[in-house]
Amino acid sequence: MTSAGVFNTGSDEGANSRDEEYPCSLEVSPFTESSCSNFINIKVGLLEQFLLYKFEMKQCILKEDMLKIVNPRYQNQFAEILRRASEHIEVVFADDLKEVHPTCYLYDPVSKLKLPNSGRIHAGKRLPKTGLLMTLLVVIFLKGNCANEEDIWKFLGVMQIYDGKKHYIYGEPRKLITQDFVRLKYLEYHWVPCSYPARYKFLCDPKAYTKTSKIRVLEYLAKVNDIAPGAFSSQYEETFPSQRCSRDWHYCSGQDSLRAKFSSFSQSY
């Protein structure tokens, strides 16, 4: 995901002042096409910043306001810019940006997990923690519904989330995953018997699956890692043992590259 702090309002002003120099059109030269792509990338980053601010402040999101951030001159590209920004938000926060009021173009983040306070651990103006919880459910699921704490931290390290280091979105990760998520009954955290020094393991609390489903966990994993859902056919069959995988979930199961990618991913943690 594009970092929320990469672009500032100065970048927007600079981009806006150059919009007239390099207007995007349907038929453009390779140079102009590249310039347009760069401008759109900047607009995606700016829109992400705006959406993050609205999420944190728990404010309504209007299409009119988003267009002001993007610049009305980019109205023809707005749908693509919004799609890309929404995908980045989805990966980090496990929230889908939905149009909840078509007549006035009102948008609202809809969590993939039906958590209290829209995925915030405490009520108030804070960023949701749903994305991290969904990530932990992914690891636990891939590990056979029980993951050692070492595997959890190894996986989180890839995401630059470290034990003892405060994260700008998730705060203190250890407290969040071993206390807050456990207190809210989304995870279980148990001592491994006969382990000296003491080792711990994570399980998914049954309550968590009342808020989501394994199939959503797989879809989220596919989205995060850009892996087609068909690569998870064995997990899909495990989730629905009485049903055969649908054609949609098998359309790419024969591609060795996807299977190798998933195998490498799951065995690494």
C-alpha atoms as a PDB file:
ATOM      1  CA  MET A   1       0.000   0.000   0.000  1.00  0.00           C
ATOM      2  CA  THR A   2       1.144   3.535  -0.646  1.00  0.00           C
ATOM      3  CA  SER A   3       2.318   5.046   2.622  1.00  0.00           C
ATOM      4  CA  ALA A   4      -0.113   7.576   4.017  1.00  0.00           C
ATOM      5  CA  GLY A   5       2.704  10.044   4.561  1.00  0.00           C
ATOM      6  CA  VAL A   6       4.327   9.903   1.140  1.00  0.00           C
ATOM      7  CA  PHE A   7       2.278  12.656  -0.468  1.00  0.00           C
ATOM      8  CA  ASN A   8       1.382  16.034   0.996  1.00  0.00           C
ATOM      9  CA  THR A   9      -0.860  18.893  -0.041  1.00  0.00           C
ATOM     10  CA  GLY A  10       2.069  20.544  -1.782  1.00  0.00           C
ATOM     11  CA  SER A  11       2.268  17.575  -4.136  1.00  0.00           C
ATOM     12  CA  ASP A  12      -1.399  18.029  -4.938  1.00  0.00           C
ATOM     13  CA  GLU A  13      -0.927  21.689  -5.776  1.00  0.00           C
ATOM     14  CA  GLY A  14       2.059  20.866  -7.954  1.00  0.00           C
ATOM     15  CA  ALA A  15       0.188  18.102  -9.725  1.00  0.00           C
ATOM     16  CA  ASN A  16      -2.859  20.310 -10.204  1.00  0.00           C
ATOM     17  CA  SER A  17      -0.770  23.125 -11.671  1.00  0.00           C
ATOM     18  CA  ARG A  18       0.675  20.697 -14.230  1.00  0.00           C
ATOM     19  CA  ASP A  19      -2.640  19.055 -15.132  1.00  0.00           C
ATOM     20  CA  GLU A  20      -3.151  21.455 -18.024  1.00  0.00           C
ATOM     21  CA  GLU A  21       0.321  20.710 -19.383  1.00  0.00           C
ATOM     22  CA  TYR A  22      -0.276  16.953 -19.574  1.00  0.00           C
ATOM     23  CA  PRO A  23      -4.010  16.328 -19.928  1.00  0.00           C
ATOM     24  CA  CYS A  24      -4.901  12.643 -20.090  1.00  0.00           C
ATOM     25  CA  SER A  25      -6.786  11.541 -23.191  1.00  0.00           C
ATOM     26  CA  LEU A  26      -7.813   8.285 -24.754  1.00  0.00           C
ATOM     27  CA  GLU A  27      -5.152   8.477 -27.474  1.00  0.00           C
ATOM     28  CA  VAL A  28      -1.758   9.615 -26.217  1.00  0.00           C
ATOM     29  CA  SER A  29       1.889   9.123 -27.046  1.00  0.00           C
ATOM     30  CA  PRO A  30       3.971   6.772 -24.845  1.00  0.00           C
ATOM     31  CA  PHE A  31       5.610   9.776 -23.124  1.00  0.00           C
ATOM     32  CA  THR A  32       2.304  11.442 -22.321  1.00  0.00           C
ATOM     33  CA  GLU A  33       0.830   8.095 -21.310  1.00  0.00           C
ATOM     34  CA  SER A  34       3.649   7.650 -18.785  1.00  0.00           C
ATOM     35  CA  SER A  35       3.119  11.174 -17.471  1.00  0.00           C
ATOM     36  CA  CYS A  36      -0.592  10.537 -17.025  1.00  0.00           C
ATOM     37  CA  SER A  37       0.152   7.305 -15.185  1.00  0.00           C
ATOM     38  CA  ASN A  38       2.457   9.151 -12.788  1.00  0.00           C
ATOM     39  CA  PHE A  39      -0.159  11.805 -12.122  1.00  0.00           C
ATOM     40  CA  ILE A  40      -2.797   9.166 -11.463  1.00  0.00           C
ATOM     41  CA  ASN A  41      -0.468   7.407  -9.014  1.00  0.00           C
ATOM     42  CA  ILE A  42      -0.116  10.693  -7.135  1.00  0.00           C
ATOM     43  CA  LYS A  43      -3.882  11.128  -7.100  1.00  0.00           C
ATOM     44  CA  VAL A  44      -4.305   7.610  -5.717  1.00  0.00           C
ATOM     45  CA  GLY A  45      -1.896   8.438  -2.887  1.00  0.00           C
ATOM     46  CA  LEU A  46      -3.662  11.701  -2.107  1.00  0.00           C
ATOM     47  CA  LEU A  47      -7.044  10.007  -2.048  1.00  0.00           C
ATOM     48  CA  GLU A  48      -5.694   7.325   0.296  1.00  0.00           C
ATOM     49  CA  GLN A  49      -4.536  10.060   2.683  1.00  0.00           C
ATOM     50  CA  PHE A  50      -7.958  11.655   2.557  1.00  0.00           C
ATOM     51  CA  LEU A  51      -9.763   8.356   3.192  1.00  0.00           C
ATOM     52  CA  LEU A  52      -7.463   7.500   6.114  1.00  0.00           C
ATOM     53  CA  TYR A  53      -8.203  10.880   7.675  1.00  0.00           C
ATOM     54  CA  LYS A  54     -11.947  10.370   7.246  1.00  0.00           C
ATOM     55  CA  PHE A  55     -11.694   6.860   8.728  1.00  0.00           C
ATOM     56  CA  GLU A  56      -9.782   8.105  11.751  1.00  0.00           C
ATOM     57  CA  MET A  57     -12.150  11.027  12.363  1.00  0.00           C
ATOM     58  CA  LYS A  58     -15.222   8.844  11.681  1.00  0.00           C
ATOM     59  CA  GLN A  59     -16.549  11.397   9.204  1.00  0.00           C
ATOM     60  CA  CYS A  60     -18.826  10.916   6.212  1.00  0.00           C
ATOM     61  CA  ILE A  61     -17.143  10.412   2.852  1.00  0.00           C
ATOM     62  CA  LEU A  62     -18.753  12.265  -0.055  1.00  0.00           C
ATOM     63  CA  LYS A  63     -17.887  11.825  -3.710  1.00  0.00           C
ATOM     64  CA  GLU A  64     -17.875  15.615  -4.079  1.00  0.00           C
ATOM     65  CA  ASP A  65     -15.125  15.909  -1.466  1.00  0.00           C
ATOM     66  CA  MET A  66     -13.098  13.111  -3.039  1.00  0.00           C
ATOM     67  CA  LEU A  67     -13.301  14.826  -6.428  1.00  0.00           C
ATOM     68  CA  LYS A  68     -11.944  18.000  -4.859  1.00  0.00           C
ATOM     69  CA  ILE A  69      -8.935  16.045  -3.608  1.00  0.00           C
ATOM     70  CA  VAL A  70      -8.411  14.330  -6.956  1.00  0.00           C
ATOM     71  CA  ASN A  71      -9.171  17.496  -8.976  1.00  0.00           C
ATOM     72  CA  PRO A  72     -12.380  17.734 -11.060  1.00  0.00           C
ATOM     73  CA  ARG A  73     -10.274  17.628 -14.237  1.00  0.00           C
ATOM     74  CA  TYR A  74      -9.649  13.956 -13.434  1.00  0.00           C
ATOM     75  CA  GLN A  75     -13.339  13.093 -13.267  1.00  0.00           C
ATOM     76  CA  ASN A  76     -13.009  10.664 -16.185  1.00  0.00           C
ATOM     77  CA  GLN A  77     -10.271   8.813 -14.296  1.00  0.00           C
ATOM     78  CA  PHE A  78     -11.963   9.095 -10.900  1.00  0.00           C
ATOM     79  CA  ALA A  79     -13.481   5.597 -10.930  1.00  0.00           C
ATOM     80  CA  GLU A  80     -10.055   4.015 -11.515  1.00  0.00           C
ATOM     81  CA  ILE A  81      -8.376   6.225  -8.906  1.00  0.00           C
ATOM     82  CA  LEU A  82     -11.054   5.367  -6.342  1.00  0.00           C
ATOM     83  CA  ARG A  83     -10.809   1.655  -7.168  1.00  0.00           C
ATOM     84  CA  ARG A  84      -7.057   1.572  -6.618  1.00  0.00           C
ATOM     85  CA  ALA A  85      -7.190   3.616  -3.422  1.00  0.00           C
ATOM     86  CA  SER A  86     -10.018   1.419  -2.123  1.00  0.00           C
ATOM     87  CA  GLU A  87      -8.011  -1.744  -2.822  1.00  0.00           C
ATOM     88  CA  HIS A  88      -5.094  -0.409  -0.792  1.00  0.00           C
ATOM     89  CA  ILE A  89      -7.437   0.468   2.081  1.00  0.00           C
ATOM     90  CA  GLU A  90      -8.994  -2.997   1.841  1.00  0.00           C
ATOM     91  CA  VAL A  91      -5.627  -4.732   2.167  1.00  0.00           C
ATOM     92  CA  VAL A  92      -4.502  -2.748   5.223  1.00  0.00           C
ATOM     93  CA  PHE A  93      -7.795  -2.353   7.091  1.00  0.00           C
ATOM     94  CA  ALA A  94      -9.955  -5.184   5.691  1.00  0.00           C
ATOM     95  CA  ASP A  95     -12.594  -2.570   4.917  1.00  0.00           C
ATOM     96  CA  ASP A  96     -14.555  -2.261   1.690  1.00  0.00           C
ATOM     97  CA  LEU A  97     -15.520   1.251   0.618  1.00  0.00           C
ATOM     98  CA  LYS A  98     -19.204   1.020  -0.275  1.00  0.00           C
ATOM     99  CA  GLU A  99     -21.589   3.546  -1.765  1.00  0.00           C
ATOM    100  CA  VAL A 100     -24.295   3.579   0.923  1.00  0.00           C
ATOM    101  CA  HIS A 101     -26.428   6.417  -0.458  1.00  0.00           C
ATOM    102  CA  PRO A 102     -26.396   6.576  -4.279  1.00  0.00           C
ATOM    103  CA  THR A 103     -28.515   9.729  -4.581  1.00  0.00           C
ATOM    104  CA  CYS A 104     -26.080  11.880  -2.622  1.00  0.00           C
ATOM    105  CA  TYR A 105     -22.964   9.794  -3.429  1.00  0.00           C
ATOM    106  CA  LEU A 106     -22.220   8.971   0.209  1.00  0.00           C
ATOM    107  CA  TYR A 107     -19.563   6.324   0.879  1.00  0.00           C
ATOM    108  CA  ASP A 108     -18.798   4.404   4.041  1.00  0.00           C
ATOM    109  CA  PRO A 109     -16.187   1.775   4.995  1.00  0.00           C
ATOM    110  CA  VAL A 110     -17.769  -1.644   5.536  1.00  0.00           C
ATOM    111  CA  SER A 111     -15.679  -4.073   7.570  1.00  0.00           C
ATOM    112  CA  LYS A 112     -15.116  -7.644   6.409  1.00  0.00           C
ATOM    113  CA  LEU A 113     -15.571  -8.541  10.079  1.00  0.00           C
ATOM    114  CA  LYS A 114     -18.626  -7.331  11.951  1.00  0.00           C
ATOM    115  CA  LEU A 115     -16.684  -5.887  14.857  1.00  0.00           C
ATOM    116  CA  PRO A 116     -17.892  -3.346  17.425  1.00  0.00           C
ATOM    117  CA  ASN A 117     -16.843   0.275  16.929  1.00  0.00           C
ATOM    118  CA  SER A 118     -16.213  -0.471  13.226  1.00  0.00           C
ATOM    119  CA  GLY A 119     -13.083  -2.452  14.048  1.00  0.00           C
ATOM    120  CA  ARG A 120     -11.728  -0.025  16.637  1.00  0.00           C
ATOM    121  CA  ILE A 121     -10.595  -1.593  19.898  1.00  0.00           C
ATOM    122  CA  HIS A 122     -11.950   1.364  21.849  1.00  0.00           C
ATOM    123  CA  ALA A 123     -14.700   3.778  20.891  1.00  0.00           C
ATOM    124  CA  GLY A 124     -13.403   7.053  19.519  1.00  0.00           C
ATOM    125  CA  LYS A 125     -11.561   8.582  16.615  1.00  0.00           C
ATOM    126  CA  ARG A 126      -8.980   5.915  15.863  1.00  0.00           C
ATOM    127  CA  LEU A 127      -8.055   3.764  12.904  1.00  0.00           C
ATOM    128  CA  PRO A 128      -9.681   0.309  12.758  1.00  0.00           C
ATOM    129  CA  LYS A 129      -7.609  -2.774  13.622  1.00  0.00           C
ATOM    130  CA  THR A 130      -9.623  -5.168  11.464  1.00  0.00           C
ATOM    131  CA  GLY A 131      -6.838  -5.687   8.940  1.00  0.00           C
ATOM    132  CA  LEU A 132      -4.420  -7.027  11.541  1.00  0.00           C
ATOM    133  CA  LEU A 133      -7.032  -9.355  13.012  1.00  0.00           C
ATOM    134  CA  MET A 134      -7.874 -10.707   9.558  1.00  0.00           C
ATOM    135  CA  THR A 135      -4.161 -11.253   8.924  1.00  0.00           C
ATOM    136  CA  LEU A 136      -3.826 -13.255  12.146  1.00  0.00           C
ATOM    137  CA  LEU A 137      -6.839 -15.372  11.194  1.00  0.00           C
ATOM    138  CA  VAL A 138      -5.131 -16.078   7.864  1.00  0.00           C
ATOM    139  CA  VAL A 139      -1.956 -17.348   9.556  1.00  0.00           C
ATOM    140  CA  ILE A 140      -3.900 -19.430  12.087  1.00  0.00           C
ATOM    141  CA  PHE A 141      -6.037 -20.944   9.335  1.00  0.00           C
ATOM    142  CA  LEU A 142      -3.028 -21.819   7.169  1.00  0.00           C
ATOM    143  CA  LYS A 143      -1.357 -23.455  10.168  1.00  0.00           C
ATOM    144  CA  GLY A 144      -4.261 -25.827  10.718  1.00  0.00           C
ATOM    145  CA  ASN A 145      -6.293 -23.575  13.041  1.00  0.00           C
ATOM    146  CA  CYS A 146      -3.449 -23.296  15.567  1.00  0.00           C
ATOM    147  CA  ALA A 147      -0.318 -21.162  15.132  1.00  0.00           C
ATOM    148  CA  ASN A 148       2.751 -20.930  17.340  1.00  0.00           C
ATOM    149  CA  GLU A 149       3.553 -17.458  18.597  1.00  0.00           C
ATOM    150  CA  GLU A 150       6.928 -17.585  16.817  1.00  0.00           C
ATOM    151  CA  ASP A 151       5.162 -18.095  13.479  1.00  0.00           C
ATOM    152  CA  ILE A 152       2.849 -15.175  14.170  1.00  0.00           C
ATOM    153  CA  TRP A 153       5.712 -12.777  14.863  1.00  0.00           C
ATOM    154  CA  LYS A 154       7.682 -14.066  11.897  1.00  0.00           C
ATOM    155  CA  PHE A 155       4.759 -13.323   9.624  1.00  0.00           C
ATOM    156  CA  LEU A 156       4.103  -9.910  11.174  1.00  0.00           C
ATOM    157  CA  GLY A 157       7.785  -9.055  10.751  1.00  0.00           C
ATOM    158  CA  VAL A 158       7.328  -9.295   6.994  1.00  0.00           C
ATOM    159  CA  MET A 159       4.663  -6.598   7.404  1.00  0.00           C
ATOM    160  CA  GLN A 160       7.109  -4.503   9.468  1.00  0.00           C
ATOM    161  CA  ILE A 161       5.122  -5.111  12.647  1.00  0.00           C
ATOM    162  CA  TYR A 162       7.484  -6.014  15.474  1.00  0.00           C
ATOM    163  CA  ASP A 163       7.142  -7.146  19.063  1.00  0.00           C
ATOM    164  CA  GLY A 164       7.950  -4.238  21.387  1.00  0.00           C
ATOM    165  CA  LYS A 165       7.952  -1.606  18.628  1.00  0.00           C
ATOM    166  CA  LYS A 166       4.995   0.774  18.463  1.00  0.00           C
ATOM    167  CA  HIS A 167       3.223   0.761  15.116  1.00  0.00           C
ATOM    168  CA  TYR A 168       1.665   3.914  13.673  1.00  0.00           C
ATOM    169  CA  ILE A 169      -1.648   2.129  13.013  1.00  0.00           C
ATOM    170  CA  TYR A 170      -1.743  -0.753  15.496  1.00  0.00           C
ATOM    171  CA  GLY A 171       0.000   0.806  18.489  1.00  0.00           C
ATOM    172  CA  GLU A 172       1.710  -1.770  20.717  1.00  0.00           C
ATOM    173  CA  PRO A 173       1.285  -5.018  18.725  1.00  0.00           C
ATOM    174  CA  ARG A 174       1.844  -7.438  21.630  1.00  0.00           C
ATOM    175  CA  LYS A 175      -0.829  -5.820  23.773  1.00  0.00           C
ATOM    176  CA  LEU A 176      -3.209  -5.703  20.834  1.00  0.00           C
ATOM    177  CA  ILE A 177      -2.946  -9.363  19.845  1.00  0.00           C
ATOM    178  CA  THR A 178      -2.350 -11.046  23.228  1.00  0.00           C
ATOM    179  CA  GLN A 179      -4.676  -8.896  25.337  1.00  0.00           C
ATOM    180  CA  ASP A 180      -7.171  -6.810  23.349  1.00  0.00           C
ATOM    181  CA  PHE A 181      -8.090  -9.403  20.713  1.00  0.00           C
ATOM    182  CA  VAL A 182      -8.200 -12.091  23.405  1.00  0.00           C
ATOM    183  CA  ARG A 183     -10.359  -9.951  25.691  1.00  0.00           C
ATOM    184  CA  LEU A 184     -12.785  -9.333  22.832  1.00  0.00           C
ATOM    185  CA  LYS A 185     -12.815 -13.110  22.179  1.00  0.00           C
ATOM    186  CA  TYR A 186     -11.477 -13.013  18.637  1.00  0.00           C
ATOM    187  CA  LEU A 187      -8.333 -14.978  19.471  1.00  0.00           C
ATOM    188  CA  GLU A 188      -7.290 -17.525  22.066  1.00  0.00           C
ATOM    189  CA  TYR A 189      -3.779 -17.360  23.523  1.00  0.00           C
ATOM    190  CA  HIS A 190      -2.575 -20.467  25.359  1.00  0.00           C
ATOM    191  CA  TRP A 191       0.595 -21.755  26.977  1.00  0.00           C
ATOM    192  CA  VAL A 192       2.000 -24.811  25.212  1.00  0.00           C
ATOM    193  CA  PRO A 193       2.070 -27.615  27.835  1.00  0.00           C
ATOM    194  CA  CYS A 194       5.484 -28.860  28.971  1.00  0.00           C
ATOM    195  CA  SER A 195       7.313 -26.052  27.180  1.00  0.00           C
ATOM    196  CA  TYR A 196      10.320 -24.655  29.030  1.00  0.00           C
ATOM    197  CA  PRO A 197      11.040 -21.880  28.465  1.00  0.00           C
ATOM    198  CA  ALA A 198       7.363 -21.136  28.079  1.00  0.00           C
ATOM    199  CA  ARG A 199       5.970 -21.072  24.550  1.00  0.00           C
ATOM    200  CA  TYR A 200       2.526 -19.940  23.471  1.00  0.00           C
ATOM    201  CA  LYS A 201       0.100 -20.605  20.647  1.00  0.00           C
ATOM    202  CA  PHE A 202      -2.803 -18.754  19.044  1.00  0.00           C
ATOM    203  CA  LEU A 203      -6.154 -20.202  18.105  1.00  0.00           C
ATOM    204  CA  CYS A 204      -9.177 -18.612  16.541  1.00  0.00           C
ATOM    205  CA  ASP A 205     -11.921 -18.046  19.077  1.00  0.00           C
ATOM    206  CA  PRO A 206     -15.257 -19.508  17.904  1.00  0.00           C
ATOM    207  CA  LYS A 207     -16.719 -16.013  18.220  1.00  0.00           C
ATOM    208  CA  ALA A 208     -14.508 -14.791  15.399  1.00  0.00           C
ATOM    209  CA  TYR A 209     -16.149 -17.155  12.915  1.00  0.00           C
ATOM    210  CA  THR A 210     -19.543 -15.780  13.870  1.00  0.00           C
ATOM    211  CA  LYS A 211     -18.224 -12.480  12.506  1.00  0.00           C
ATOM    212  CA  THR A 212     -16.761 -13.845   9.296  1.00  0.00           C
ATOM    213  CA  SER A 213     -16.140 -17.141   7.507  1.00  0.00           C
ATOM    214  CA  LYS A 214     -13.131 -19.131   6.387  1.00  0.00           C
ATOM    215  CA  ILE A 215     -13.983 -18.387   2.794  1.00  0.00           C
ATOM    216  CA  ARG A 216     -13.671 -14.652   3.477  1.00  0.00           C
ATOM    217  CA  VAL A 217     -10.336 -15.280   5.133  1.00  0.00           C
ATOM    218  CA  LEU A 218      -9.137 -17.070   1.979  1.00  0.00           C
ATOM    219  CA  GLU A 219     -10.420 -14.289  -0.247  1.00  0.00           C
ATOM    220  CA  TYR A 220      -8.612 -11.724   1.880  1.00  0.00           C
ATOM    221  CA  LEU A 221      -5.383 -13.740   1.674  1.00  0.00           C
ATOM    222  CA  ALA A 222      -5.753 -13.941  -2.096  1.00  0.00           C
ATOM    223  CA  LYS A 223      -6.267 -10.189  -2.302  1.00  0.00           C
ATOM    224  CA  VAL A 224      -3.269  -9.360  -0.104  1.00  0.00           C
ATOM    225  CA  ASN A 225      -0.887 -11.685  -1.953  1.00  0.00           C
ATOM    226  CA  ASP A 226      -2.355 -11.280  -5.435  1.00  0.00           C
ATOM    227  CA  ILE A 227      -2.973 -15.015  -5.650  1.00  0.00           C
ATOM    228  CA  ALA A 228      -5.959 -16.289  -7.600  1.00  0.00           C
ATOM    229  CA  PRO A 229      -8.520 -18.047  -5.348  1.00  0.00           C
ATOM    230  CA  GLY A 230      -8.110 -21.308  -7.245  1.00  0.00           C
ATOM    231  CA  ALA A 231      -4.713 -21.765  -5.607  1.00  0.00           C
ATOM    232  CA  PHE A 232      -6.517 -22.401  -2.328  1.00  0.00           C
ATOM    233  CA  SER A 233      -8.677 -25.279  -3.554  1.00  0.00           C
ATOM    234  CA  SER A 234      -7.553 -27.669  -0.789  1.00  0.00           C
ATOM    235  CA  GLN A 235      -8.417 -25.134   1.905  1.00  0.00           C
ATOM    236  CA  TYR A 236     -11.721 -24.443   0.179  1.00  0.00           C
ATOM    237  CA  GLU A 237     -12.562 -28.149   0.189  1.00  0.00           C
ATOM    238  CA  GLU A 238     -11.622 -28.334   3.872  1.00  0.00           C
ATOM    239  CA  THR A 239     -13.985 -25.452   4.580  1.00  0.00           C
ATOM    240  CA  PHE A 240     -16.848 -27.061   2.667  1.00  0.00           C
ATOM    241  CA  PRO A 241     -16.172 -30.838   2.778  1.00  0.00           C
ATOM    242  CA  SER A 242     -19.681 -31.695   1.616  1.00  0.00           C
ATOM    243  CA  GLN A 243     -19.370 -29.601  -1.523  1.00  0.00           C
ATOM    244  CA  ARG A 244     -17.051 -29.791  -4.492  1.00  0.00           C
ATOM    245  CA  CYS A 245     -15.222 -26.614  -5.362  1.00  0.00           C
ATOM    246  CA  SER A 246     -17.083 -24.507  -7.866  1.00  0.00           C
ATOM    247  CA  ARG A 247     -15.652 -23.856 -11.297  1.00  0.00           C
ATOM    248  CA  ASP A 248     -14.795 -20.297 -10.289  1.00  0.00           C
ATOM    249  CA  TRP A 249     -12.490 -21.603  -7.588  1.00  0.00           C
ATOM    250  CA  HIS A 250     -10.741 -24.056  -9.897  1.00  0.00           C
ATOM    251  CA  TYR A 251     -10.215 -21.995 -13.007  1.00  0.00           C
ATOM    252  CA  CYS A 252      -6.488 -21.582 -12.401  1.00  0.00           C
ATOM    253  CA  SER A 253      -5.739 -24.546 -10.143  1.00  0.00           C
ATOM    254  CA  GLY A 254      -3.683 -26.090 -12.918  1.00  0.00           C
ATOM    255  CA  GLN A 255      -1.194 -23.255 -13.022  1.00  0.00           C
ATOM    256  CA  ASP A 256       2.028 -24.469 -11.427  1.00  0.00           C
ATOM    257  CA  SER A 257       3.243 -20.948 -10.716  1.00  0.00           C
ATOM    258  CA  LEU A 258       0.259 -20.174  -8.523  1.00  0.00           C
ATOM    259  CA  ARG A 259       0.526 -23.428  -6.606  1.00  0.00           C
ATOM    260  CA  ALA A 260       4.250 -22.874  -6.118  1.00  0.00           C
ATOM    261  CA  LYS A 261       3.650 -19.338  -4.916  1.00  0.00           C
ATOM    262  CA  PHE A 262       1.029 -20.427  -2.402  1.00  0.00           C
ATOM    263  CA  SER A 263       3.097 -23.409  -1.274  1.00  0.00           C
ATOM    264  CA  SER A 264       6.111 -21.193  -0.672  1.00  0.00           C
ATOM    265  CA  PHE A 265       3.974 -18.657   1.156  1.00  0.00           C
ATOM    266  CA  SER A 266       2.275 -21.131   3.485  1.00  0.00           C
ATOM    267  CA  GLN A 267       5.409 -23.183   4.242  1.00  0.00           C
ATOM    268  CA  SER A 268       7.415 -20.081   5.127  1.00  0.00           C
ATOM    269  CA  TYR A 269       5.375 -19.458   8.223  1.00  0.00           C
END
